[in-house]
Amino acid sequence: MGHALLGVFGLFLLNTLLYGHAEGSNKAVVTLQPNWTEVYRGERITLRCEITDGGDTEWEYEWRTTSSEKPPDQNKHSISFVTESHSGDYRCKGRKKHTQRSSTGWSDPIKLKVSDDPWPVLTVSPSWLRAGDSVTLNCRVKDPSAGWKFYWYKRVLKPSDDSYRVQQLPVSSSGTKQDSYIVHGQTHAAEYRCRLGRGDPEFYSYYSKPKFVWSSDVNSSASLTVSPDRAQHFTSDSVSLSCEGNSTEWRVWRLLTEERYRSDCTTWGTMNGSTCNINKYSTSDAVYWCESESGESTNAVNITVQDGDMILLSPARPVTEGHSVSLSCRFRNQTSDSIVFFYHNEKVIQSDSRWELNIFAVSKSDEGFYKCRHSGRESAQSWMSVQAVSRPDSSSFPVLLVVGLVCGIVAFIPLLVLFCYRASKAQ
């Protein structure tokens, strides 16, 4: 009996020497390159079946998958354009060549999830700027650490037709690793977008939805005025928009709230010279601005239209620091002497029978959202922007100082001569 067992053990050792390790001593592992948790339609990927401790032995491979696309029986399977049909679990196993004996079991599954193209979300801050402000762009994506590079684009409003001039921001010509980017010295209205890229060859996402940055600079050489000059209007109000500046050819544009594309006055009003008269019942919540044929762009104004019977009368354009401003509450078909509440940033700042809120010397602290309330009804709120007073450049201070000193000396010399003359006569 002992001799028989010894013989079986000897045959087992001989078999191991001739054919390698016994079944199960080698392990198959599926790997994915690039090793991303989520893959997007159109990307290039490679699935590999690797045998741990496989030595130099030649292997045959077999795949099992829950997807509709089974890889060929090879250790590597590259997909140049992955689609949703490739989604599923993938397992593999290896068998040594020249033997029917299976040398590995099935690998643990690797799950391949193929999603539609990622759509980045762009935010801009501030969306309303003063000339020279810095604008921060932020491009948000589901998994920002998954090997993405970020590309940034500026689409300048082109006045000659209903189109844009696209510019890739210089720093992002080869992409940036940061998901935010700062634009310094923005001076005019512009549209920004971002998109993503990764891999080799590089896979690109869709562009983000556009975000606009608006100029509120009323000191510009070109400007837009609203008549009547207020941010809120009743439906059916007659509203006109006038462009002023060095050009004689102007177009008035608007971008509706939450819309992606702009339209010009000819689609919702009548252009008369440099003034656009909005058709009755065509006034909409939107941002309005002017452009000239030479590419000049004005400040933008945000106008809202109310279906209710009460609005807040507040200026459509920024108020200059130090100036006075009057805000009032108006009913469509009613007046009253009862208490009216005025709010600044949700805080009551006046409550009496006056229907006007007067600020005699506007300061930066007065900037913010305003609304009014009467008899349980509230107006919509509007933002009142305060424009800083232009001050001399600090670099001009030494020049002014020298001029002042020279003028003082010149004025002092005649007095000195007169004093000396009188002193000599007194002797």
Protein backbone atom coordinates (compact mmCIF):
# COMPACT_ATOMS: atom_id res chain seq x y z
CA MET A 1 0.00 0.00 0.00
CA GLY A 2 2.80 2.40 0.94
CA HIS A 3 4.65 1.59 -2.25
CA ALA A 4 1.51 2.35 -4.29
CA LEU A 5 1.07 5.79 -2.69
CA LEU A 6 4.72 6.55 -3.24
CA GLY A 7 4.29 5.69 -6.91
CA VAL A 8 1.25 8.00 -7.31
CA PHE A 9 3.13 10.83 -5.65
CA GLY A 10 6.08 10.27 -7.98
CA LEU A 11 3.81 10.44 -11.02
CA PHE A 12 2.34 13.70 -9.68
CA LEU A 13 5.81 15.23 -9.32
CA LEU A 14 6.73 14.09 -12.82
CA ASN A 15 3.56 15.59 -14.24
CA THR A 16 4.29 18.88 -12.48
CA LEU A 17 7.81 18.98 -13.88
CA LEU A 18 6.58 18.23 -17.40
CA TYR A 19 3.50 20.46 -17.57
CA GLY A 20 4.06 23.16 -14.99
CA HIS A 21 1.98 24.01 -11.96
CA ALA A 22 -1.20 22.23 -11.21
CA GLU A 23 -4.55 23.75 -12.16
CA GLY A 24 -5.44 26.62 -9.92
CA SER A 25 -1.88 27.50 -8.87
CA ASN A 26 -1.79 30.22 -11.53
CA LYS A 27 -4.33 33.05 -11.43
CA ALA A 28 -5.86 35.04 -14.29
CA VAL A 29 -6.43 38.77 -13.77
CA VAL A 30 -8.25 41.19 -16.09
CA THR A 31 -6.80 44.72 -16.29
CA LEU A 32 -8.12 47.83 -18.01
CA GLN A 33 -5.95 50.51 -19.55
CA PRO A 34 -6.36 53.36 -18.95
CA ASN A 35 -7.63 52.31 -15.55
CA TRP A 36 -10.57 54.72 -15.24
CA THR A 37 -13.63 53.97 -13.16
CA GLU A 38 -15.88 55.29 -15.91
CA VAL A 39 -15.27 55.20 -19.64
CA TYR A 40 -17.03 57.44 -22.15
CA ARG A 41 -18.39 56.71 -25.58
CA GLY A 42 -15.67 57.23 -28.19
CA GLU A 43 -12.67 56.61 -25.95
CA ARG A 44 -9.95 54.03 -26.69
CA ILE A 45 -9.36 51.28 -24.13
CA THR A 46 -7.44 47.99 -23.83
CA LEU A 47 -8.47 44.89 -21.86
CA ARG A 48 -5.70 42.46 -20.91
CA CYS A 49 -5.74 38.96 -19.47
CA GLU A 50 -2.64 38.52 -17.33
CA ILE A 51 -1.49 35.27 -15.70
CA THR A 52 0.20 35.71 -12.34
CA ASP A 53 3.31 33.55 -11.81
CA GLY A 54 2.86 32.31 -15.33
CA GLY A 55 6.57 32.21 -16.10
CA ASP A 56 7.59 31.91 -19.72
CA THR A 57 4.95 29.33 -20.53
CA GLU A 58 2.86 29.96 -23.65
CA TRP A 59 -0.81 30.43 -22.89
CA GLU A 60 -4.10 30.26 -24.71
CA TYR A 61 -6.83 32.61 -23.53
CA GLU A 62 -10.59 32.55 -23.27
CA TRP A 63 -12.98 35.39 -22.41
CA ARG A 64 -16.43 35.46 -20.88
CA THR A 65 -18.52 38.66 -20.79
CA THR A 66 -22.04 39.90 -20.14
CA SER A 67 -21.65 42.54 -22.86
CA SER A 68 -22.84 42.02 -26.42
CA GLU A 69 -19.27 42.18 -27.72
CA LYS A 70 -17.07 39.23 -26.81
CA PRO A 71 -13.29 39.75 -27.11
CA PRO A 72 -11.33 37.31 -29.33
CA ASP A 73 -9.33 34.56 -27.58
CA GLN A 74 -6.20 36.60 -27.14
CA ASN A 75 -4.53 38.07 -24.09
CA LYS A 76 -5.09 41.66 -25.28
CA HIS A 77 -8.22 43.25 -26.70
CA SER A 78 -8.11 46.90 -27.83
CA ILE A 79 -11.28 48.87 -28.61
CA SER A 80 -10.59 52.00 -30.62
CA PHE A 81 -14.11 53.45 -30.21
CA VAL A 82 -15.91 52.16 -27.16
CA THR A 83 -19.73 52.24 -27.15
CA GLU A 84 -22.51 51.36 -24.72
CA SER A 85 -22.60 47.84 -26.22
CA HIS A 86 -19.22 47.18 -24.59
CA SER A 87 -20.62 47.72 -21.08
CA GLY A 88 -20.58 44.63 -18.89
CA ASP A 89 -18.50 42.26 -16.76
CA TYR A 90 -15.36 40.72 -18.25
CA ARG A 91 -13.62 37.51 -17.06
CA CYS A 92 -10.82 35.53 -18.60
CA LYS A 93 -8.82 32.36 -18.02
CA GLY A 94 -5.60 30.89 -19.41
CA ARG A 95 -4.71 27.40 -20.61
CA LYS A 96 -1.22 26.21 -21.30
CA LYS A 97 -0.63 25.39 -24.89
CA HIS A 98 -0.09 21.80 -26.00
CA THR A 99 -2.24 20.43 -23.22
CA GLN A 100 -5.94 20.01 -22.65
CA ARG A 101 -5.51 20.67 -18.97
CA SER A 102 -6.89 24.09 -17.88
CA SER A 103 -4.20 25.82 -15.86
CA THR A 104 -6.27 28.65 -14.32
CA GLY A 105 -9.78 29.25 -13.16
CA TRP A 106 -11.88 32.17 -14.28
CA SER A 107 -10.60 35.54 -13.12
CA ASP A 108 -12.56 37.86 -10.90
CA PRO A 109 -14.81 40.08 -13.06
CA ILE A 110 -13.93 43.61 -14.01
CA LYS A 111 -16.91 45.86 -14.67
CA LEU A 112 -16.74 48.13 -17.70
CA LYS A 113 -19.23 50.99 -17.58
CA VAL A 114 -19.55 53.04 -20.76
CA SER A 115 -21.42 56.34 -20.41
CA ASP A 116 -22.47 58.96 -22.87
CA ASP A 117 -20.15 61.89 -23.49
CA PRO A 118 -19.39 63.88 -20.32
CA TRP A 119 -20.91 67.33 -20.33
CA PRO A 120 -18.92 69.78 -18.19
CA VAL A 121 -20.70 72.58 -16.36
CA LEU A 122 -19.14 76.05 -16.49
CA THR A 123 -19.67 78.76 -13.87
CA VAL A 124 -18.38 82.35 -14.05
CA SER A 125 -17.86 84.83 -11.22
CA PRO A 126 -18.68 87.64 -11.30
CA SER A 127 -21.21 87.49 -14.14
CA TRP A 128 -21.60 91.30 -13.96
CA LEU A 129 -18.33 93.16 -13.94
CA ARG A 130 -16.76 96.54 -14.00
CA ALA A 131 -14.04 97.36 -16.49
CA GLY A 132 -10.79 95.73 -15.48
CA ASP A 133 -12.32 93.11 -13.16
CA SER A 134 -10.90 89.60 -13.01
CA VAL A 135 -13.30 86.81 -13.95
CA THR A 136 -12.97 83.30 -12.47
CA LEU A 137 -14.06 80.40 -14.66
CA ASN A 138 -14.75 77.02 -13.08
CA CYS A 139 -15.32 73.87 -15.13
CA ARG A 140 -17.08 71.18 -13.10
CA VAL A 141 -17.08 67.51 -14.08
CA LYS A 142 -18.36 64.35 -12.38
CA ASP A 143 -14.89 62.97 -11.63
CA PRO A 144 -12.30 65.79 -11.78
CA SER A 145 -9.40 63.48 -10.84
CA ALA A 146 -9.90 61.02 -13.70
CA GLY A 147 -7.03 62.23 -15.86
CA TRP A 148 -8.83 65.23 -17.35
CA LYS A 149 -7.23 68.27 -18.89
CA PHE A 150 -9.30 71.44 -19.11
CA TYR A 151 -9.60 73.64 -22.19
CA TRP A 152 -10.96 77.19 -22.06
CA TYR A 153 -12.64 79.20 -24.82
CA LYS A 154 -13.84 82.75 -25.23
CA ARG A 155 -16.44 83.55 -27.85
CA VAL A 156 -16.46 87.27 -28.50
CA LEU A 157 -19.76 88.70 -29.67
CA LYS A 158 -19.44 89.46 -33.37
CA PRO A 159 -21.59 92.38 -34.52
CA SER A 160 -21.58 91.78 -38.27
CA ASP A 161 -23.98 88.84 -38.07
CA ASP A 162 -25.62 86.50 -35.61
CA SER A 163 -22.42 84.60 -34.89
CA TYR A 164 -19.33 84.61 -32.70
CA ARG A 165 -15.57 84.76 -33.05
CA VAL A 166 -14.13 81.80 -31.15
CA GLN A 167 -10.82 82.17 -29.34
CA GLN A 168 -9.07 79.49 -27.33
CA LEU A 169 -7.49 81.13 -24.31
CA PRO A 170 -3.70 81.02 -24.80
CA VAL A 171 -2.79 79.26 -21.55
CA SER A 172 -5.04 76.34 -22.44
CA SER A 173 -3.59 75.53 -25.86
CA SER A 174 -2.40 72.20 -24.47
CA GLY A 175 -4.93 72.03 -21.63
CA THR A 176 -4.61 72.82 -17.94
CA LYS A 177 -4.71 70.42 -15.00
CA GLN A 178 -6.66 72.89 -12.86
CA ASP A 179 -10.43 73.03 -13.20
CA SER A 180 -10.47 76.81 -12.73
CA TYR A 181 -8.97 79.68 -14.69
CA ILE A 182 -8.81 83.44 -14.03
CA VAL A 183 -9.25 85.97 -16.83
CA HIS A 184 -7.58 89.24 -15.85
CA GLY A 185 -8.71 92.68 -16.99
CA GLN A 186 -12.03 91.74 -18.62
CA THR A 187 -13.54 94.93 -20.06
CA HIS A 188 -16.51 93.94 -22.23
CA ALA A 189 -19.31 91.44 -22.64
CA ALA A 190 -18.09 88.00 -23.65
CA GLU A 191 -19.15 84.36 -23.71
CA TYR A 192 -17.04 81.56 -22.21
CA ARG A 193 -17.08 77.77 -22.58
CA CYS A 194 -14.90 74.89 -21.46
CA ARG A 195 -14.37 71.27 -22.45
CA LEU A 196 -12.38 68.25 -21.31
CA GLY A 197 -9.71 66.04 -22.83
CA ARG A 198 -7.77 62.94 -21.79
CA GLY A 199 -6.03 59.84 -23.15
CA ASP A 200 -3.73 59.17 -26.09
CA PRO A 201 -4.98 59.76 -28.73
CA GLU A 202 -6.85 62.46 -26.86
CA PHE A 203 -10.57 62.13 -26.34
CA TYR A 204 -12.54 65.39 -26.14
CA SER A 205 -15.85 66.00 -24.42
CA TYR A 206 -18.67 68.20 -25.58
CA TYR A 207 -18.33 71.92 -24.95
CA SER A 208 -20.04 73.19 -21.83
CA LYS A 209 -23.13 75.31 -22.18
CA PRO A 210 -22.07 78.94 -22.63
CA LYS A 211 -21.90 81.43 -19.80
CA PHE A 212 -21.93 85.16 -20.40
CA VAL A 213 -20.05 87.89 -18.58
CA TRP A 214 -21.70 91.29 -18.80
CA SER A 215 -20.19 94.74 -18.53
CA SER A 216 -22.05 97.26 -16.37
CA ASP A 217 -19.55 100.08 -16.96
CA VAL A 218 -21.53 103.29 -17.55
CA ASN A 219 -18.34 105.33 -18.04
CA SER A 220 -17.61 103.60 -21.32
CA SER A 221 -17.57 105.60 -24.56
CA ALA A 222 -20.62 103.58 -25.66
CA SER A 223 -23.73 103.04 -23.55
CA LEU A 224 -27.25 101.63 -23.56
CA THR A 225 -30.12 103.52 -21.93
CA VAL A 226 -33.62 102.26 -21.14
CA SER A 227 -36.79 104.32 -21.32
CA PRO A 228 -38.52 104.38 -18.92
CA ASP A 229 -35.32 104.02 -16.86
CA ARG A 230 -36.17 101.11 -14.61
CA ALA A 231 -35.25 97.45 -14.26
CA GLN A 232 -38.83 96.14 -13.80
CA HIS A 233 -41.74 96.64 -16.19
CA PHE A 234 -45.34 95.52 -16.40
CA THR A 235 -46.40 93.34 -19.29
CA SER A 236 -47.74 95.57 -22.08
CA ASP A 237 -45.46 98.47 -21.02
CA SER A 238 -43.86 100.38 -23.89
CA VAL A 239 -40.09 100.08 -23.56
CA SER A 240 -37.36 101.50 -25.78
CA LEU A 241 -33.60 100.91 -25.77
CA SER A 242 -31.18 103.52 -27.12
CA CYS A 243 -27.53 103.03 -28.09
CA GLU A 244 -25.13 105.95 -27.71
CA GLY A 245 -21.52 106.19 -28.82
CA ASN A 246 -19.15 107.00 -31.67
CA SER A 247 -20.85 104.70 -34.17
CA THR A 248 -23.91 105.43 -36.28
CA GLU A 249 -24.69 101.77 -36.95
CA TRP A 250 -26.00 99.89 -33.93
CA ARG A 251 -27.76 96.61 -33.28
CA VAL A 252 -29.61 95.86 -30.05
CA TRP A 253 -29.37 92.29 -28.79
CA ARG A 254 -30.94 90.32 -25.99
CA LEU A 255 -30.35 87.01 -24.28
CA LEU A 256 -33.40 85.53 -22.57
CA THR A 257 -33.05 84.07 -19.10
CA GLU A 258 -31.68 80.49 -19.29
CA GLU A 259 -31.39 80.69 -23.08
CA ARG A 260 -28.20 79.83 -24.96
CA TYR A 261 -28.58 82.00 -28.03
CA ARG A 262 -29.08 85.70 -28.51
CA SER A 263 -31.46 87.48 -30.90
CA ASP A 264 -31.51 91.00 -32.26
CA CYS A 265 -34.16 93.74 -32.21
CA THR A 266 -35.59 92.81 -35.62
CA THR A 267 -37.14 89.64 -34.15
CA TRP A 268 -38.93 91.24 -31.17
CA GLY A 269 -39.00 94.97 -31.90
CA THR A 270 -38.49 97.75 -34.40
CA MET A 271 -35.12 99.42 -34.95
CA ASN A 272 -35.33 103.16 -35.61
CA GLY A 273 -31.83 104.57 -36.07
CA SER A 274 -29.98 103.72 -32.88
CA THR A 275 -33.16 103.05 -30.86
CA CYS A 276 -35.03 99.78 -30.53
CA ASN A 277 -38.73 99.97 -29.65
CA ILE A 278 -39.81 96.66 -28.14
CA ASN A 279 -43.08 95.36 -29.57
CA LYS A 280 -45.97 95.42 -27.14
CA TYR A 281 -46.18 92.16 -25.15
CA SER A 282 -42.70 91.19 -26.44
CA THR A 283 -40.78 92.53 -23.46
CA SER A 284 -39.18 89.54 -21.71
CA ASP A 285 -36.88 88.81 -18.80
CA ALA A 286 -33.53 89.20 -20.51
CA VAL A 287 -30.17 90.92 -20.68
CA TYR A 288 -30.02 93.65 -23.33
CA TRP A 289 -26.99 95.33 -24.90
CA CYS A 290 -25.82 97.17 -28.05
CA GLU A 291 -23.10 96.41 -30.56
CA SER A 292 -21.72 98.54 -33.37
CA GLU A 293 -20.50 97.45 -36.78
CA SER A 294 -16.96 98.36 -35.66
CA GLY A 295 -17.15 95.87 -32.79
CA GLU A 296 -17.89 98.31 -29.99
CA SER A 297 -20.00 96.89 -27.15
CA THR A 298 -22.02 98.83 -24.57
CA ASN A 299 -22.91 98.11 -20.99
CA ALA A 300 -25.66 95.54 -20.53
CA VAL A 301 -28.93 95.96 -18.60
CA ASN A 302 -31.04 93.28 -16.95
CA ILE A 303 -34.78 93.82 -17.48
CA THR A 304 -37.57 91.79 -15.89
CA VAL A 305 -41.27 91.76 -16.77
CA GLN A 306 -43.98 91.22 -14.15
CA ASP A 307 -47.41 89.71 -14.70
CA GLY A 308 -48.57 90.82 -11.25
CA ASP A 309 -49.96 94.21 -10.27
CA MET A 310 -46.95 95.58 -8.34
CA ILE A 311 -43.38 96.40 -9.38
CA LEU A 312 -40.35 98.11 -7.86
CA LEU A 313 -39.14 101.15 -9.78
CA SER A 314 -35.34 101.01 -9.57
CA PRO A 315 -32.69 102.24 -12.02
CA ALA A 316 -31.75 99.85 -14.81
CA ARG A 317 -28.15 101.07 -14.89
CA PRO A 318 -25.59 101.42 -12.09
CA VAL A 319 -25.82 104.47 -9.83
CA THR A 320 -22.63 106.50 -9.37
CA GLU A 321 -21.26 106.66 -5.84
CA GLY A 322 -22.25 109.91 -4.08
CA HIS A 323 -25.29 110.56 -6.30
CA SER A 324 -28.88 110.38 -5.07
CA VAL A 325 -31.38 107.72 -6.14
CA SER A 326 -35.08 107.16 -5.61
CA LEU A 327 -36.79 103.76 -5.56
CA SER A 328 -40.56 103.47 -5.47
CA CYS A 329 -43.32 100.90 -5.33
CA ARG A 330 -46.01 101.01 -8.02
CA PHE A 331 -49.33 99.25 -8.55
CA ARG A 332 -50.63 98.62 -12.04
CA ASN A 333 -54.11 100.08 -11.38
CA GLN A 334 -54.16 101.12 -7.73
CA THR A 335 -52.68 103.58 -5.24
CA SER A 336 -52.86 103.58 -1.47
CA ASP A 337 -51.63 105.52 1.56
CA SER A 338 -51.13 102.49 3.80
CA ILE A 339 -47.82 101.11 5.04
CA VAL A 340 -45.23 100.10 2.44
CA PHE A 341 -42.15 98.06 3.36
CA PHE A 342 -38.86 98.44 1.49
CA TYR A 343 -36.22 95.71 1.75
CA HIS A 344 -32.47 95.76 1.13
CA ASN A 345 -31.00 92.25 0.93
CA GLU A 346 -34.12 90.87 2.69
CA LYS A 347 -33.84 93.35 5.59
CA VAL A 348 -36.58 95.97 6.16
CA ILE A 349 -35.03 99.45 5.86
CA GLN A 350 -38.20 101.58 5.64
CA SER A 351 -41.82 101.00 6.69
CA ASP A 352 -44.26 103.92 6.50
CA SER A 353 -46.85 105.44 4.18
CA ARG A 354 -44.24 106.78 1.77
CA TRP A 355 -44.15 104.88 -1.51
CA GLU A 356 -40.63 106.13 -2.19
CA LEU A 357 -37.24 105.18 -0.77
CA ASN A 358 -34.75 108.03 -1.17
CA ILE A 359 -30.99 107.59 -0.80
CA PHE A 360 -29.32 110.99 -0.99
CA ALA A 361 -25.64 109.95 -1.21
CA VAL A 362 -25.25 106.42 -2.54
CA SER A 363 -22.32 104.40 -1.19
CA LYS A 364 -21.00 100.95 -1.94
CA SER A 365 -22.87 99.58 1.09
CA ASP A 366 -26.18 100.48 -0.64
CA GLU A 367 -25.49 98.01 -3.46
CA GLY A 368 -27.66 94.89 -3.37
CA PHE A 369 -31.16 93.49 -3.93
CA TYR A 370 -34.22 95.66 -3.31
CA LYS A 371 -37.94 94.89 -3.20
CA CYS A 372 -41.13 96.33 -1.73
CA ARG A 373 -44.16 94.81 0.00
CA HIS A 374 -47.68 96.10 0.56
CA SER A 375 -50.76 94.34 1.94
CA GLY A 376 -49.07 90.94 1.80
CA ARG A 377 -48.00 91.31 -1.83
CA GLU A 378 -44.36 91.67 -2.86
CA SER A 379 -42.64 92.99 -5.92
CA ALA A 380 -39.88 91.01 -7.56
CA GLN A 381 -36.43 91.99 -6.36
CA SER A 382 -33.92 93.89 -8.49
CA TRP A 383 -30.21 94.38 -8.09
CA MET A 384 -29.00 97.97 -7.75
CA SER A 385 -25.36 98.32 -8.72
CA VAL A 386 -23.20 101.17 -7.39
CA GLN A 387 -20.45 102.50 -9.63
CA ALA A 388 -17.32 103.79 -7.90
CA VAL A 389 -16.27 107.38 -8.61
CA SER A 390 -13.28 107.60 -10.92
CA ARG A 391 -10.25 108.78 -8.97
CA PRO A 392 -6.88 109.99 -10.26
CA ASP A 393 -4.27 107.34 -10.75
CA SER A 394 -1.93 107.17 -7.74
CA SER A 395 1.01 107.40 -10.15
CA SER A 396 -0.05 111.00 -10.94
CA PHE A 397 0.33 112.08 -7.28
CA PRO A 398 4.07 113.01 -7.53
CA VAL A 399 3.35 115.12 -10.61
CA LEU A 400 0.54 116.97 -8.84
CA LEU A 401 2.80 117.50 -5.81
CA VAL A 402 5.60 119.03 -7.92
CA VAL A 403 3.14 121.27 -9.78
CA GLY A 404 1.68 122.43 -6.46
CA LEU A 405 5.11 123.22 -5.03
CA VAL A 406 6.15 125.17 -8.14
CA CYS A 407 2.92 127.18 -8.10
CA GLY A 408 3.41 127.91 -4.39
CA ILE A 409 6.97 129.13 -4.91
CA VAL A 410 5.96 131.31 -7.85
CA ALA A 411 3.19 132.88 -5.78
CA PHE A 412 5.53 133.40 -2.77
CA ILE A 413 8.34 135.25 -4.65
CA PRO A 414 6.38 138.52 -5.29
CA LEU A 415 5.36 138.59 -1.61
CA LEU A 416 8.98 138.17 -0.57
CA VAL A 417 10.14 141.00 -2.90
CA LEU A 418 7.39 143.30 -1.57
CA PHE A 419 8.36 142.54 2.03
CA CYS A 420 12.04 143.32 1.40
CA TYR A 421 11.14 146.58 -0.38
CA ARG A 422 9.03 147.83 2.51
CA ALA A 423 11.69 146.87 5.04
CA SER A 424 14.34 148.90 3.14
CA LYS A 425 12.12 152.01 3.02
CA ALA A 426 11.45 151.83 6.73
CA GLN A 427 15.23 152.18 7.50
